[in-house]
Amino acid sequence: MSESSQQLLRQLPAIDRLLGLAAVASHPAPHVLKRGAAQQLVADLRRQLLTAAAGALPTDNELADRLLRLIDQRCRPSLRRVLNASGTLLHTNLGRAPLSAQALQAITEVAKGYSNLELDLTSGTRGHRYSHIDQLLCQLTGAEAAAVVNNNAGAVLLALTALAQGREALVSRGELVEIGGAFRIPDVMEAGGVRLREVGTTNKTHLRDYQSAIGEHTGLLLKVHTSNYRIVGFSQSVEATELVGLGRQHGIPVMEDLGSGMLLDLSPFGLPREPTVQEAVAAGIDVLTFSGDKLLGGPQAGLIVGKRWAIDKIRHHPLARALRIDKLTLAALEATLFAYLDREQALHDIPVLRMLNLPAEQLRQRSQRFLRRLRRSLPADQARLQLVEACACVGGGALPLTELPGCALALQPLQQSAAELARRLRDGTPAVVGRLQDAAVLLNLRCIAVDEETALLQALCQALQSATVANAFAPTDVS
């Protein structure tokens, strides 16, 4: 270490001196948080001096500015708002489906006081939380009864355990799915005490494969919709109606996991034909499970519908209490389901349905208007801006082969790298998540609501312009 570096190290500010700076002392953050930020700043300065990254210590004003930025970072909630410009509608890492305005209002109304979560207001006696949604679910799907748990993995686990614990479940090899987060059908079956019996082959399964595998230990016929992948070419699977007929013949219940789940047929809008929940119910399936926060467009939940005898058995299983949903999820789910009573209202109110049905030309017009606003707001030396052809995807394990045509805004920064711009966007308030491609950041407006455009514009301007004032003593990112 050089003598000059040693001298600078001896001049590193004391923690108490940093905390005593006027701007820092007047900051409303808790003292313990400010002390931690000051310790981080001193550690940053020491490391940079040791690596010869800087040749002089900052002034008190500079120290205060940097310490305040660190404090503000630490004051931000860890879970916070993100503008999703990635082009992935149901981005699992970003919380999947955004909620409708009606669902948000319902959450607020229930959260700000008490509610009749488990109280029958008519009789004044204890009620059941399922009562708030089971009638709606039955009306929408045609099922005899319904239940809801905290997510679809929980729904599958609960249904399997309640219906076939200690027995075998027959599943096609082509339907032994795995989804994100290592949710695997064989593992869930094992956790529920259900023995897996594979039938058929990876690409072809016939009804006779199930027929020949049925024995005295068979407790369930399980069908899994491959919502996050497709087997194409020389392939075949057994239709739900055929499996139901076989189950009835042998007195064995039939269950189907629909995964993402759809209550509306969106093929008239050019999207691939997917089986709807109503069609599966009409086929006679005893128990159906599907997600609330994917194509349904509601909160995270696992929805279970089917025959009354099966749903009653599921509701009364001990696991049902461990997996039950809270009042906020119930409020959001009820409001989301209510919108589906009117098809046009659902298409208008539920964000994920609006995104799916947004025409490419309308998206292009929005993007062009936004590009003009951005060009007016930025100096020409900040970035090259253009519209490029880009497809969006559904994500969330839904419609895996579907590409939604359209365009994206490509930002090629001139005073920083694209990776650095992407980092600054993620670190902003609100955070912005785009997609890196070559030397540009791509921003797809399909997932951006119209009323979010101004916030996106401000975030872009801040991230691009902040590169010109960056310095060697920028505090470590602690977000």
Protein backbone atom coordinates (compact mmCIF):
# COMPACT_ATOMS: atom_id res chain seq x y z
CA MET A 1 0.00 0.00 0.00
CA SER A 2 1.36 3.42 -0.94
CA GLU A 3 2.03 6.12 1.63
CA SER A 4 -0.61 8.34 0.02
CA SER A 5 -3.22 5.60 0.35
CA GLN A 6 -2.31 5.09 4.00
CA GLN A 7 -2.69 8.79 4.58
CA LEU A 8 -6.13 8.79 2.96
CA LEU A 9 -7.22 5.78 5.00
CA ARG A 10 -6.33 7.61 8.18
CA GLN A 11 -8.65 10.41 7.04
CA LEU A 12 -11.68 8.18 6.53
CA PRO A 13 -14.63 9.84 8.31
CA ALA A 14 -15.82 8.45 11.62
CA ILE A 15 -19.30 6.99 11.71
CA ASP A 16 -20.50 9.52 14.28
CA ARG A 17 -19.21 12.40 12.17
CA LEU A 18 -21.15 11.14 9.16
CA LEU A 19 -24.29 10.75 11.25
CA GLY A 20 -23.81 14.28 12.53
CA LEU A 21 -23.88 15.88 9.09
CA ALA A 22 -26.89 18.18 9.05
CA ALA A 23 -28.73 16.58 6.11
CA VAL A 24 -28.16 13.11 7.54
CA ALA A 25 -29.16 14.01 11.09
CA SER A 26 -32.45 15.51 9.90
CA HIS A 27 -33.38 12.47 7.81
CA PRO A 28 -36.43 10.74 9.35
CA ALA A 29 -35.03 7.20 8.93
CA PRO A 30 -34.45 5.12 12.10
CA HIS A 31 -31.03 5.63 13.68
CA VAL A 32 -30.06 1.96 13.32
CA LEU A 33 -30.71 2.15 9.59
CA LYS A 34 -28.67 5.34 9.18
CA ARG A 35 -25.78 3.84 11.14
CA GLY A 36 -25.76 0.78 8.92
CA ALA A 37 -25.71 2.97 5.80
CA ALA A 38 -22.81 5.02 7.23
CA GLN A 39 -20.84 1.86 7.93
CA GLN A 40 -21.46 0.72 4.37
CA LEU A 41 -20.27 4.05 2.98
CA VAL A 42 -17.02 3.92 4.97
CA ALA A 43 -16.45 0.33 3.84
CA ASP A 44 -17.00 1.40 0.21
CA LEU A 45 -14.52 4.26 0.58
CA ARG A 46 -11.91 2.02 2.20
CA ARG A 47 -12.22 -0.62 -0.53
CA GLN A 48 -11.95 1.94 -3.31
CA LEU A 49 -8.89 3.54 -1.77
CA LEU A 50 -7.18 0.18 -1.37
CA THR A 51 -7.83 -0.66 -5.01
CA ALA A 52 -6.63 2.78 -6.12
CA ALA A 53 -10.08 3.49 -7.57
CA ALA A 54 -9.93 7.06 -6.33
CA GLY A 55 -7.28 9.55 -5.37
CA ALA A 56 -9.08 11.86 -2.95
CA LEU A 57 -11.74 11.75 -0.29
CA PRO A 58 -15.12 13.35 -1.02
CA THR A 59 -16.14 16.62 0.59
CA ASP A 60 -18.67 16.68 3.41
CA ASN A 61 -21.43 17.68 0.99
CA GLU A 62 -20.53 14.78 -1.30
CA LEU A 63 -20.41 12.40 1.67
CA ALA A 64 -23.84 13.57 2.79
CA ASP A 65 -25.30 13.14 -0.70
CA ARG A 66 -23.96 9.62 -1.03
CA LEU A 67 -24.98 8.63 2.45
CA LEU A 68 -28.51 9.93 1.84
CA ARG A 69 -28.74 7.84 -1.31
CA LEU A 70 -27.71 4.77 0.67
CA ILE A 71 -30.24 5.57 3.39
CA ASP A 72 -33.00 6.05 0.83
CA GLN A 73 -32.13 2.68 -0.74
CA ARG A 74 -32.39 1.00 2.64
CA CYS A 75 -35.70 2.73 3.35
CA ARG A 76 -37.32 1.33 0.24
CA PRO A 77 -39.50 -1.75 0.72
CA SER A 78 -37.88 -4.94 -0.49
CA LEU A 79 -41.10 -5.92 -2.25
CA ARG A 80 -42.00 -2.99 -4.45
CA ARG A 81 -43.65 -1.91 -7.66
CA VAL A 82 -42.12 -2.91 -11.00
CA LEU A 83 -43.04 -1.73 -14.48
CA ASN A 84 -42.96 -4.86 -16.63
CA ALA A 85 -41.63 -3.96 -20.07
CA SER A 86 -40.11 -7.40 -20.65
CA GLY A 87 -42.77 -8.59 -23.07
CA THR A 88 -43.68 -11.56 -20.82
CA LEU A 89 -47.27 -11.14 -19.67
CA LEU A 90 -47.36 -13.66 -16.81
CA HIS A 91 -43.80 -13.17 -15.62
CA THR A 92 -43.44 -15.47 -12.61
CA ASN A 93 -40.54 -13.45 -11.17
CA LEU A 94 -42.66 -10.29 -11.40
CA GLY A 95 -45.75 -11.69 -9.68
CA ARG A 96 -47.63 -13.00 -12.72
CA ALA A 97 -51.03 -11.43 -13.44
CA PRO A 98 -51.65 -7.84 -12.32
CA LEU A 99 -55.01 -7.43 -10.63
CA SER A 100 -57.98 -5.53 -11.97
CA ALA A 101 -59.07 -2.22 -10.47
CA GLN A 102 -62.13 -3.96 -9.06
CA ALA A 103 -59.98 -6.59 -7.33
CA LEU A 104 -57.73 -3.90 -5.84
CA GLN A 105 -60.76 -2.02 -4.53
CA ALA A 106 -62.14 -5.21 -2.99
CA ILE A 107 -58.83 -5.84 -1.20
CA THR A 108 -58.81 -2.30 0.20
CA GLU A 109 -62.38 -2.55 1.46
CA VAL A 110 -61.72 -5.83 3.27
CA ALA A 111 -58.23 -4.93 4.52
CA LYS A 112 -59.04 -1.62 6.20
CA GLY A 113 -61.38 -3.14 8.77
CA TYR A 114 -63.13 -6.32 9.82
CA SER A 115 -65.02 -8.63 7.46
CA ASN A 116 -67.45 -11.53 7.46
CA LEU A 117 -64.68 -13.96 6.53
CA GLU A 118 -66.24 -16.82 8.48
CA LEU A 119 -69.50 -15.29 9.70
CA ASP A 120 -72.93 -15.84 8.21
CA LEU A 121 -74.41 -12.35 8.42
CA THR A 122 -77.96 -13.64 7.92
CA SER A 123 -77.99 -16.09 10.81
CA GLY A 124 -75.23 -14.53 12.91
CA THR A 125 -73.59 -17.95 13.23
CA ARG A 126 -70.20 -19.17 12.12
CA GLY A 127 -69.85 -19.47 8.35
CA HIS A 128 -67.21 -20.83 5.99
CA ARG A 129 -64.70 -18.90 3.90
CA TYR A 130 -65.42 -21.06 0.84
CA SER A 131 -68.97 -19.67 0.79
CA HIS A 132 -67.73 -16.37 -0.65
CA ILE A 133 -66.62 -17.94 -3.94
CA ASP A 134 -68.10 -21.42 -4.34
CA GLN A 135 -71.40 -20.22 -5.79
CA LEU A 136 -69.58 -17.99 -8.28
CA LEU A 137 -67.21 -20.77 -9.30
CA CYS A 138 -70.05 -23.24 -9.73
CA GLN A 139 -72.08 -20.76 -11.77
CA LEU A 140 -69.11 -20.00 -14.04
CA THR A 141 -67.88 -23.57 -14.52
CA GLY A 142 -70.97 -25.73 -14.17
CA ALA A 143 -69.37 -27.70 -11.33
CA GLU A 144 -71.34 -29.03 -8.36
CA ALA A 145 -68.96 -27.65 -5.72
CA ALA A 146 -65.74 -25.70 -5.35
CA ALA A 147 -62.87 -24.96 -2.98
CA VAL A 148 -59.82 -22.69 -3.04
CA VAL A 149 -56.34 -23.02 -1.55
CA ASN A 150 -53.19 -20.88 -1.68
CA ASN A 151 -51.86 -21.99 -5.10
CA ASN A 152 -52.32 -24.67 -7.73
CA ALA A 153 -49.47 -26.81 -6.41
CA GLY A 154 -51.33 -26.86 -3.11
CA ALA A 155 -54.58 -27.69 -4.90
CA VAL A 156 -52.98 -30.67 -6.65
CA LEU A 157 -51.33 -31.88 -3.43
CA LEU A 158 -54.55 -31.58 -1.44
CA ALA A 159 -56.73 -33.27 -4.05
CA LEU A 160 -54.30 -36.15 -4.56
CA THR A 161 -53.90 -36.69 -0.83
CA ALA A 162 -57.61 -36.56 -0.10
CA LEU A 163 -58.62 -38.87 -2.95
CA ALA A 164 -55.80 -41.39 -3.33
CA GLN A 165 -53.46 -41.43 -0.33
CA GLY A 166 -52.00 -44.91 0.11
CA ARG A 167 -53.13 -45.99 -3.35
CA GLU A 168 -51.97 -45.75 -6.95
CA ALA A 169 -52.69 -42.98 -9.43
CA LEU A 170 -52.35 -43.73 -13.14
CA VAL A 171 -50.67 -40.97 -15.16
CA SER A 172 -49.54 -40.84 -18.77
CA ARG A 173 -45.75 -40.62 -19.17
CA GLY A 174 -46.30 -37.71 -21.52
CA GLU A 175 -48.01 -35.75 -18.73
CA LEU A 176 -45.45 -36.05 -15.91
CA VAL A 177 -44.84 -32.33 -16.01
CA GLU A 178 -42.41 -30.07 -14.22
CA ILE A 179 -43.03 -26.35 -13.92
CA GLY A 180 -40.90 -23.50 -12.60
CA GLY A 181 -39.65 -23.78 -9.04
CA ALA A 182 -39.20 -27.58 -9.34
CA PHE A 183 -42.90 -28.43 -9.03
CA ARG A 184 -42.94 -31.97 -10.41
CA ILE A 185 -45.99 -34.19 -10.56
CA PRO A 186 -44.12 -37.31 -9.33
CA ASP A 187 -42.75 -35.39 -6.31
CA VAL A 188 -46.16 -33.97 -5.40
CA MET A 189 -47.68 -37.43 -5.60
CA GLU A 190 -44.99 -38.82 -3.34
CA ALA A 191 -45.53 -35.99 -0.83
CA GLY A 192 -49.24 -36.83 -0.78
CA GLY A 193 -48.62 -40.51 -0.14
CA VAL A 194 -49.85 -41.49 -3.60
CA ARG A 195 -47.97 -44.11 -5.60
CA LEU A 196 -47.25 -43.18 -9.21
CA ARG A 197 -48.08 -45.70 -11.90
CA GLU A 198 -46.93 -44.54 -15.33
CA VAL A 199 -48.86 -45.62 -18.40
CA GLY A 200 -48.17 -45.26 -22.13
CA THR A 201 -45.06 -43.70 -23.59
CA THR A 202 -43.65 -40.20 -23.73
CA ASN A 203 -45.32 -39.34 -27.03
CA LYS A 204 -48.27 -41.75 -27.21
CA THR A 205 -50.74 -42.95 -24.61
CA HIS A 206 -53.87 -44.93 -25.47
CA LEU A 207 -56.98 -45.70 -23.43
CA ARG A 208 -55.94 -49.34 -23.39
CA ASP A 209 -52.77 -48.34 -21.50
CA TYR A 210 -54.90 -47.10 -18.60
CA GLN A 211 -57.22 -50.10 -18.90
CA SER A 212 -54.41 -52.63 -18.62
CA ALA A 213 -52.82 -50.83 -15.64
CA ILE A 214 -55.96 -50.73 -13.49
CA GLY A 215 -55.75 -53.07 -10.52
CA GLU A 216 -56.92 -53.52 -6.96
CA HIS A 217 -54.63 -50.72 -5.73
CA THR A 218 -55.73 -48.12 -8.29
CA GLY A 219 -57.24 -45.14 -6.50
CA LEU A 220 -57.24 -42.41 -9.16
CA LEU A 221 -56.92 -41.72 -12.87
CA LEU A 222 -54.95 -38.48 -13.23
CA LYS A 223 -54.78 -36.32 -16.34
CA VAL A 224 -52.38 -33.35 -16.48
CA HIS A 225 -52.75 -30.65 -19.10
CA THR A 226 -49.32 -29.87 -20.53
CA SER A 227 -49.83 -26.13 -20.29
CA ASN A 228 -46.13 -25.23 -20.30
CA TYR A 229 -44.91 -27.44 -23.16
CA ARG A 230 -46.18 -29.32 -26.20
CA ILE A 231 -45.42 -32.73 -27.66
CA VAL A 232 -45.91 -32.43 -31.40
CA GLY A 233 -45.54 -34.79 -34.32
CA PHE A 234 -46.19 -38.49 -33.79
CA SER A 235 -48.17 -38.11 -30.56
CA GLN A 236 -51.48 -39.04 -28.99
CA SER A 237 -53.20 -38.59 -25.65
CA VAL A 238 -56.46 -39.78 -24.15
CA GLU A 239 -59.37 -37.34 -24.16
CA ALA A 240 -60.99 -36.45 -20.85
CA THR A 241 -64.34 -37.95 -21.86
CA GLU A 242 -62.67 -41.31 -22.60
CA LEU A 243 -60.88 -41.32 -19.25
CA VAL A 244 -64.11 -40.44 -17.45
CA GLY A 245 -65.89 -43.35 -19.15
CA LEU A 246 -63.13 -45.72 -18.05
CA GLY A 247 -63.26 -44.38 -14.51
CA ARG A 248 -67.02 -44.84 -14.31
CA GLN A 249 -66.68 -48.38 -15.61
CA HIS A 250 -64.30 -49.30 -12.79
CA GLY A 251 -65.61 -46.99 -10.06
CA ILE A 252 -62.38 -44.96 -9.99
CA PRO A 253 -62.41 -41.14 -9.68
CA VAL A 254 -60.81 -39.03 -12.41
CA MET A 255 -58.86 -35.87 -11.71
CA GLU A 256 -57.38 -33.34 -14.11
CA ASP A 257 -54.86 -30.58 -13.43
CA LEU A 258 -55.51 -27.85 -16.00
CA GLY A 259 -52.55 -25.77 -14.85
CA SER A 260 -53.11 -22.19 -15.94
CA GLY A 261 -56.87 -22.64 -16.43
CA MET A 262 -59.12 -20.64 -18.76
CA LEU A 263 -62.73 -19.55 -18.29
CA LEU A 264 -62.99 -17.90 -21.73
CA ASP A 265 -62.21 -19.32 -25.15
CA LEU A 266 -59.77 -16.79 -26.63
CA SER A 267 -59.31 -18.51 -29.98
CA PRO A 268 -61.58 -15.93 -31.73
CA PHE A 269 -58.80 -13.42 -30.98
CA GLY A 270 -56.22 -15.50 -32.82
CA LEU A 271 -54.87 -17.34 -29.78
CA PRO A 272 -54.44 -21.13 -29.73
CA ARG A 273 -57.41 -23.23 -28.71
CA GLU A 274 -57.04 -24.25 -25.07
CA PRO A 275 -59.42 -26.45 -23.07
CA THR A 276 -61.62 -24.35 -20.81
CA VAL A 277 -62.60 -25.28 -17.29
CA GLN A 278 -66.25 -25.47 -18.36
CA GLU A 279 -65.42 -28.05 -21.04
CA ALA A 280 -63.53 -30.23 -18.56
CA VAL A 281 -66.44 -30.05 -16.10
CA ALA A 282 -68.88 -30.97 -18.88
CA ALA A 283 -66.69 -33.98 -19.73
CA GLY A 284 -67.52 -35.39 -16.30
CA ILE A 285 -64.15 -35.00 -14.56
CA ASP A 286 -64.58 -35.55 -10.81
CA VAL A 287 -61.98 -33.00 -9.69
CA LEU A 288 -60.32 -30.15 -11.61
CA THR A 289 -57.50 -27.93 -10.36
CA PHE A 290 -56.18 -24.71 -11.91
CA SER A 291 -54.41 -21.46 -11.03
CA GLY A 292 -55.98 -18.15 -10.15
CA ASP A 293 -53.04 -15.92 -11.10
CA LYS A 294 -52.33 -17.06 -14.64
CA LEU A 295 -54.83 -16.90 -17.51
CA LEU A 296 -57.66 -16.33 -15.05
CA GLY A 297 -56.01 -12.99 -14.24
CA GLY A 298 -56.61 -12.99 -10.49
CA PRO A 299 -54.57 -13.41 -7.29
CA GLN A 300 -52.37 -16.39 -6.52
CA ALA A 301 -54.71 -19.22 -5.64
CA GLY A 302 -55.39 -22.86 -6.43
CA LEU A 303 -58.98 -23.41 -7.54
CA ILE A 304 -60.64 -26.81 -7.16
CA VAL A 305 -63.99 -27.61 -8.77
CA GLY A 306 -65.86 -30.81 -9.41
CA LYS A 307 -68.32 -33.33 -8.01
CA ARG A 308 -69.76 -32.53 -4.61
CA TRP A 309 -68.70 -35.82 -3.00
CA ALA A 310 -65.08 -35.24 -4.05
CA ILE A 311 -64.98 -31.56 -3.07
CA ASP A 312 -66.50 -32.37 0.35
CA LYS A 313 -63.78 -34.95 0.91
CA ILE A 314 -61.12 -32.40 -0.10
CA ARG A 315 -62.58 -29.64 2.08
CA HIS A 316 -62.59 -31.82 5.18
CA HIS A 317 -59.04 -33.12 4.79
CA PRO A 318 -56.64 -31.76 7.46
CA LEU A 319 -54.38 -30.29 4.77
CA ALA A 320 -57.17 -27.97 3.65
CA ARG A 321 -56.72 -25.76 6.70
CA ALA A 322 -52.94 -25.61 6.24
CA LEU A 323 -53.37 -24.54 2.60
CA ARG A 324 -56.33 -22.18 2.95
CA ILE A 325 -56.29 -18.66 1.54
CA ASP A 326 -56.64 -15.42 3.48
CA LYS A 327 -59.30 -12.71 3.33
CA LEU A 328 -57.35 -10.48 0.91
CA THR A 329 -56.97 -13.26 -1.65
CA LEU A 330 -60.64 -14.13 -1.27
CA ALA A 331 -61.67 -10.51 -1.87
CA ALA A 332 -59.54 -10.22 -5.01
CA LEU A 333 -60.64 -13.60 -6.31
CA GLU A 334 -64.34 -12.86 -5.79
CA ALA A 335 -64.04 -9.56 -7.70
CA THR A 336 -62.11 -11.26 -10.52
CA LEU A 337 -64.62 -14.09 -10.85
CA PHE A 338 -67.52 -11.64 -10.76
CA ALA A 339 -66.16 -9.95 -13.89
CA TYR A 340 -66.42 -13.27 -15.76
CA LEU A 341 -70.20 -13.25 -15.39
CA ASP A 342 -70.14 -10.86 -18.36
CA ARG A 343 -67.65 -11.85 -21.08
CA GLU A 344 -67.22 -8.31 -22.36
CA GLN A 345 -66.70 -6.97 -18.87
CA ALA A 346 -63.99 -9.57 -18.22
CA LEU A 347 -62.19 -8.70 -21.45
CA HIS A 348 -62.30 -5.03 -20.52
CA ASP A 349 -61.53 -5.20 -16.79
CA ILE A 350 -58.98 -7.97 -16.38
CA PRO A 351 -55.48 -6.76 -17.34
CA VAL A 352 -54.06 -10.03 -18.64
CA LEU A 353 -57.02 -10.47 -21.00
CA ARG A 354 -56.55 -6.92 -22.30
CA MET A 355 -52.86 -7.62 -22.94
CA LEU A 356 -53.61 -10.89 -24.73
CA ASN A 357 -56.16 -9.22 -26.97
CA LEU A 358 -54.22 -6.03 -27.76
CA PRO A 359 -53.91 -5.85 -31.59
CA ALA A 360 -50.38 -5.46 -32.94
CA GLU A 361 -51.30 -2.28 -34.81
CA GLN A 362 -52.72 -0.65 -31.70
CA LEU A 363 -49.56 -1.58 -29.81
CA ARG A 364 -47.46 -0.02 -32.58
CA GLN A 365 -49.41 3.24 -32.46
CA ARG A 366 -48.98 3.43 -28.68
CA SER A 367 -45.26 2.71 -29.00
CA GLN A 368 -44.81 5.38 -31.67
CA ARG A 369 -46.51 7.99 -29.49
CA PHE A 370 -44.37 7.01 -26.53
CA LEU A 371 -41.20 7.15 -28.64
CA ARG A 372 -42.03 10.71 -29.69
CA ARG A 373 -42.53 11.71 -26.05
CA LEU A 374 -39.21 10.15 -25.08
CA ARG A 375 -37.32 11.89 -27.88
CA ARG A 376 -38.74 15.24 -26.77
CA SER A 377 -37.63 14.55 -23.19
CA LEU A 378 -34.05 13.42 -23.82
CA PRO A 379 -30.95 15.14 -25.23
CA ALA A 380 -29.87 13.53 -28.47
CA ASP A 381 -26.54 12.43 -26.97
CA GLN A 382 -28.16 10.13 -24.38
CA ALA A 383 -29.35 7.24 -26.53
CA ARG A 384 -30.31 6.00 -29.97
CA LEU A 385 -34.04 5.26 -29.99
CA GLN A 386 -36.01 3.21 -32.48
CA LEU A 387 -38.91 0.80 -32.80
CA VAL A 388 -38.06 -2.79 -33.68
CA GLU A 389 -40.17 -5.83 -34.45
CA ALA A 390 -40.58 -7.93 -31.30
CA CYS A 391 -42.95 -10.64 -30.14
CA ALA A 392 -44.29 -10.93 -26.61
CA CYS A 393 -44.96 -14.24 -24.89
CA VAL A 394 -47.56 -15.33 -22.35
CA GLY A 395 -45.21 -16.88 -19.77
CA GLY A 396 -46.20 -18.37 -16.43
CA GLY A 397 -46.35 -21.87 -17.92
CA ALA A 398 -49.24 -20.94 -20.21
CA LEU A 399 -49.60 -21.10 -24.02
CA PRO A 400 -45.94 -22.11 -24.48
CA LEU A 401 -45.87 -21.87 -28.30
CA THR A 402 -47.79 -18.61 -28.53
CA GLU A 403 -46.03 -15.50 -29.78
CA LEU A 404 -47.88 -12.20 -29.66
CA PRO A 405 -46.67 -10.11 -32.61
CA GLY A 406 -45.86 -6.46 -32.17
CA CYS A 407 -42.95 -4.12 -31.59
CA ALA A 408 -40.66 -2.86 -28.86
CA LEU A 409 -38.74 0.30 -28.13
CA ALA A 410 -34.99 -0.27 -28.48
CA LEU A 411 -32.78 2.02 -26.38
CA GLN A 412 -29.09 1.98 -27.20
CA PRO A 413 -27.42 4.16 -24.54
CA LEU A 414 -24.46 6.30 -25.67
CA GLN A 415 -22.92 7.11 -22.28
CA GLN A 416 -23.20 3.72 -20.58
CA SER A 417 -23.58 0.08 -21.53
CA ALA A 418 -26.97 -1.52 -22.10
CA ALA A 419 -26.35 -3.76 -19.08
CA GLU A 420 -25.66 -0.69 -16.91
CA LEU A 421 -28.81 1.02 -18.17
CA ALA A 422 -30.83 -2.11 -17.37
CA ARG A 423 -29.34 -2.11 -13.86
CA ARG A 424 -30.18 1.58 -13.33
CA LEU A 425 -33.74 0.93 -14.50
CA ARG A 426 -34.13 -1.92 -12.04
CA ASP A 427 -32.76 0.29 -9.26
CA GLY A 428 -35.16 3.16 -9.97
CA THR A 429 -38.46 4.06 -8.38
CA PRO A 430 -40.50 2.51 -9.79
CA ALA A 431 -38.22 -0.24 -11.00
CA VAL A 432 -38.36 -1.06 -14.71
CA VAL A 433 -37.61 -4.48 -16.17
CA GLY A 434 -36.91 -4.74 -19.88
CA ARG A 435 -34.95 -7.18 -22.02
CA LEU A 436 -31.32 -6.97 -23.12
CA GLN A 437 -30.67 -7.62 -26.79
CA ASP A 438 -27.28 -6.95 -28.33
CA ALA A 439 -26.29 -3.41 -27.28
CA ALA A 440 -29.81 -2.24 -26.52
CA VAL A 441 -32.52 -2.45 -23.87
CA LEU A 442 -35.84 -3.52 -25.37
CA LEU A 443 -39.04 -2.23 -23.78
CA ASN A 444 -42.34 -3.82 -24.82
CA LEU A 445 -45.40 -1.73 -23.97
CA ARG A 446 -47.87 -4.63 -24.21
CA CYS A 447 -47.49 -5.22 -20.45
CA ILE A 448 -47.45 -1.50 -19.59
CA ALA A 449 -50.81 0.04 -18.73
CA VAL A 450 -51.62 3.35 -20.39
CA ASP A 451 -51.63 5.10 -17.01
CA GLU A 452 -48.10 3.75 -16.35
CA GLU A 453 -46.54 5.39 -19.40
CA THR A 454 -45.65 8.67 -17.67
CA ALA A 455 -43.94 6.81 -14.83
CA LEU A 456 -42.03 4.74 -17.41
CA LEU A 457 -40.98 7.88 -19.27
CA GLN A 458 -39.68 9.49 -16.08
CA ALA A 459 -37.81 6.33 -15.08
CA LEU A 460 -36.12 6.13 -18.49
CA CYS A 461 -35.07 9.78 -18.43
CA GLN A 462 -33.67 9.44 -14.92
CA ALA A 463 -31.72 6.26 -15.71
CA LEU A 464 -30.25 7.68 -18.93
CA GLN A 465 -29.35 11.08 -17.53
CA SER A 466 -27.91 9.76 -14.26
CA ALA A 467 -25.06 8.17 -16.20
CA THR A 468 -23.61 11.62 -16.87
CA VAL A 469 -23.25 12.40 -13.16
CA ALA A 470 -22.02 8.97 -12.00
CA ASN A 471 -18.69 9.02 -10.19
CA ALA A 472 -16.13 6.66 -8.78
CA PHE A 473 -17.54 6.88 -5.27
CA ALA A 474 -21.07 5.75 -6.16
CA PRO A 475 -22.36 3.72 -3.19
CA THR A 476 -22.71 -0.03 -3.43
CA ASP A 477 -26.14 -1.22 -4.59
CA VAL A 478 -27.83 -2.64 -1.50
CA SER A 479 -31.28 -3.12 -2.98
